[in-house]
Amino acid sequence: MKVKATREGLVGHRTATGWVIDRVTLFCALPSVAALHRMVKISNPANGRAVVCQVLDVGPWDEHDDDYVLGGLRPAAESGRDTRGRPTNGAGIDLGERAWSALGMTDNGLVDWEFVL
């Protein structure tokens, strides 16, 4: 499923799992607590690059968008509002610094993602 990806940023801050965000760990965030610690393959269709990383944070925007993350529906954030009514940028996944770089991202853009074993 192609979704908008944004850069997590926040180097030095803690994720939902307590991980301190750095520039070397391959990680991402999905908007469901149920996805924490799972592995996902993320591909950049613009250049063909792909990475496998661990979900170490919850977001962007929502914490309980299980219908998207586990059920295959579109991200709630794409509507322009999160589940609390806050305006969003439409993103369905956040990428840590290393994942962002490895995928060759230079701005917010579309990526494909899927869970892996």
Protein backbone atom coordinates (compact mmCIF):
# COMPACT_ATOMS: atom_id res chain seq x y z
CA MET A 1 0.00 0.00 0.00
CA LYS A 2 1.46 3.37 -0.98
CA VAL A 3 1.26 5.95 1.82
CA LYS A 4 2.84 9.30 2.50
CA ALA A 5 6.03 9.04 4.56
CA THR A 6 7.48 11.78 6.73
CA ARG A 7 10.78 12.07 8.56
CA GLU A 8 10.56 11.32 12.27
CA GLY A 9 13.34 13.73 13.26
CA LEU A 10 13.45 14.31 17.02
CA VAL A 11 16.99 12.91 17.43
CA GLY A 12 17.68 12.54 21.15
CA HIS A 13 14.01 12.15 22.10
CA ARG A 14 12.44 8.87 23.25
CA THR A 15 10.04 6.79 21.21
CA ALA A 16 6.95 5.00 22.54
CA THR A 17 9.17 1.99 23.31
CA GLY A 18 11.69 4.10 25.23
CA TRP A 19 14.29 3.97 22.45
CA VAL A 20 16.36 7.15 22.22
CA ILE A 21 16.15 8.31 18.60
CA ASP A 22 19.53 8.31 16.85
CA ARG A 23 20.82 8.50 13.30
CA VAL A 24 21.95 4.87 13.00
CA THR A 25 19.00 2.68 13.98
CA LEU A 26 16.73 1.49 11.17
CA PHE A 27 13.29 2.17 12.62
CA CYS A 28 9.91 3.57 11.73
CA ALA A 29 6.63 4.53 13.37
CA LEU A 30 3.17 3.24 12.53
CA PRO A 31 -0.05 4.54 14.11
CA SER A 32 -0.92 1.43 16.12
CA VAL A 33 0.43 0.20 19.44
CA ALA A 34 -0.12 -3.34 18.11
CA ALA A 35 2.65 -2.80 15.52
CA LEU A 36 5.39 -2.06 18.08
CA HIS A 37 8.51 -4.22 17.71
CA ARG A 38 7.30 -5.79 14.45
CA MET A 39 9.50 -5.72 11.36
CA VAL A 40 8.41 -3.97 8.18
CA LYS A 41 9.83 -3.73 4.68
CA ILE A 42 9.60 -0.20 3.30
CA SER A 43 10.20 0.55 -0.38
CA ASN A 44 10.64 3.85 -2.19
CA PRO A 45 8.90 3.43 -5.56
CA ALA A 46 10.63 6.55 -6.90
CA ASN A 47 14.08 4.89 -6.87
CA GLY A 48 13.52 1.19 -6.05
CA ARG A 49 15.41 1.29 -2.73
CA ALA A 50 14.09 -0.77 0.18
CA VAL A 51 14.90 -1.33 3.86
CA VAL A 52 13.68 -3.61 6.61
CA CYS A 53 13.26 -1.88 9.93
CA GLN A 54 11.61 -2.29 13.29
CA VAL A 55 8.57 -0.36 14.47
CA LEU A 56 9.89 1.45 17.56
CA ASP A 57 7.40 4.31 17.74
CA VAL A 58 3.71 5.00 17.43
CA GLY A 59 2.55 7.60 14.93
CA PRO A 60 2.33 9.69 12.93
CA TRP A 61 -0.71 11.41 14.40
CA ASP A 62 -2.69 8.48 15.71
CA GLU A 63 -1.99 5.77 18.24
CA HIS A 64 -4.88 3.41 17.53
CA ASP A 65 -5.38 3.37 13.76
CA ASP A 66 -5.57 -0.44 13.76
CA ASP A 67 -7.96 -0.46 10.79
CA TYR A 68 -5.12 0.94 8.67
CA VAL A 69 -2.11 -0.84 10.16
CA LEU A 70 -3.69 -4.26 10.72
CA GLY A 71 -6.81 -4.14 8.56
CA GLY A 72 -5.55 -2.77 5.26
CA LEU A 73 -7.68 0.39 5.19
CA ARG A 74 -6.28 3.81 4.33
CA PRO A 75 -4.63 5.82 7.16
CA ALA A 76 -7.06 7.99 9.14
CA ALA A 77 -4.52 10.84 8.89
CA GLU A 78 -5.11 11.03 5.11
CA SER A 79 -8.49 12.63 5.83
CA GLY A 80 -6.65 15.73 7.08
CA ARG A 81 -7.67 15.09 10.70
CA ASP A 82 -6.46 12.52 13.18
CA THR A 83 -8.74 10.51 15.46
CA ARG A 84 -8.62 13.38 17.99
CA GLY A 85 -9.61 15.98 15.37
CA ARG A 86 -6.16 17.57 15.02
CA PRO A 87 -5.07 18.67 11.53
CA THR A 88 -2.55 16.29 9.94
CA ASN A 89 -0.15 16.32 7.01
CA GLY A 90 -1.72 13.11 5.68
CA ALA A 91 1.20 10.83 6.55
CA GLY A 92 0.72 7.12 7.23
CA ILE A 93 4.27 6.29 8.36
CA ASP A 94 7.22 8.09 9.97
CA LEU A 95 10.78 7.11 9.08
CA GLY A 96 13.79 7.31 11.37
CA GLU A 97 16.87 9.14 10.12
CA ARG A 98 18.70 6.06 8.83
CA ALA A 99 15.63 4.64 7.08
CA TRP A 100 14.96 8.06 5.51
CA SER A 101 18.51 8.25 4.19
CA ALA A 102 18.71 4.62 3.07
CA LEU A 103 15.52 5.08 1.04
CA GLY A 104 16.96 8.18 -0.62
CA MET A 105 14.14 10.39 0.64
CA THR A 106 14.68 14.13 0.21
CA ASP A 107 11.15 15.26 1.03
CA ASN A 108 7.88 13.75 2.19
CA GLY A 109 6.76 11.24 -0.40
CA LEU A 110 5.07 7.95 -1.13
CA VAL A 111 6.44 4.64 0.09
CA ASP A 112 5.14 1.07 0.15
CA TRP A 113 5.32 -0.92 3.37
CA GLU A 114 4.45 -4.41 4.56
CA PHE A 115 5.06 -6.53 7.63
CA VAL A 116 7.78 -9.18 7.36
CA LEU A 117 8.45 -12.18 9.59
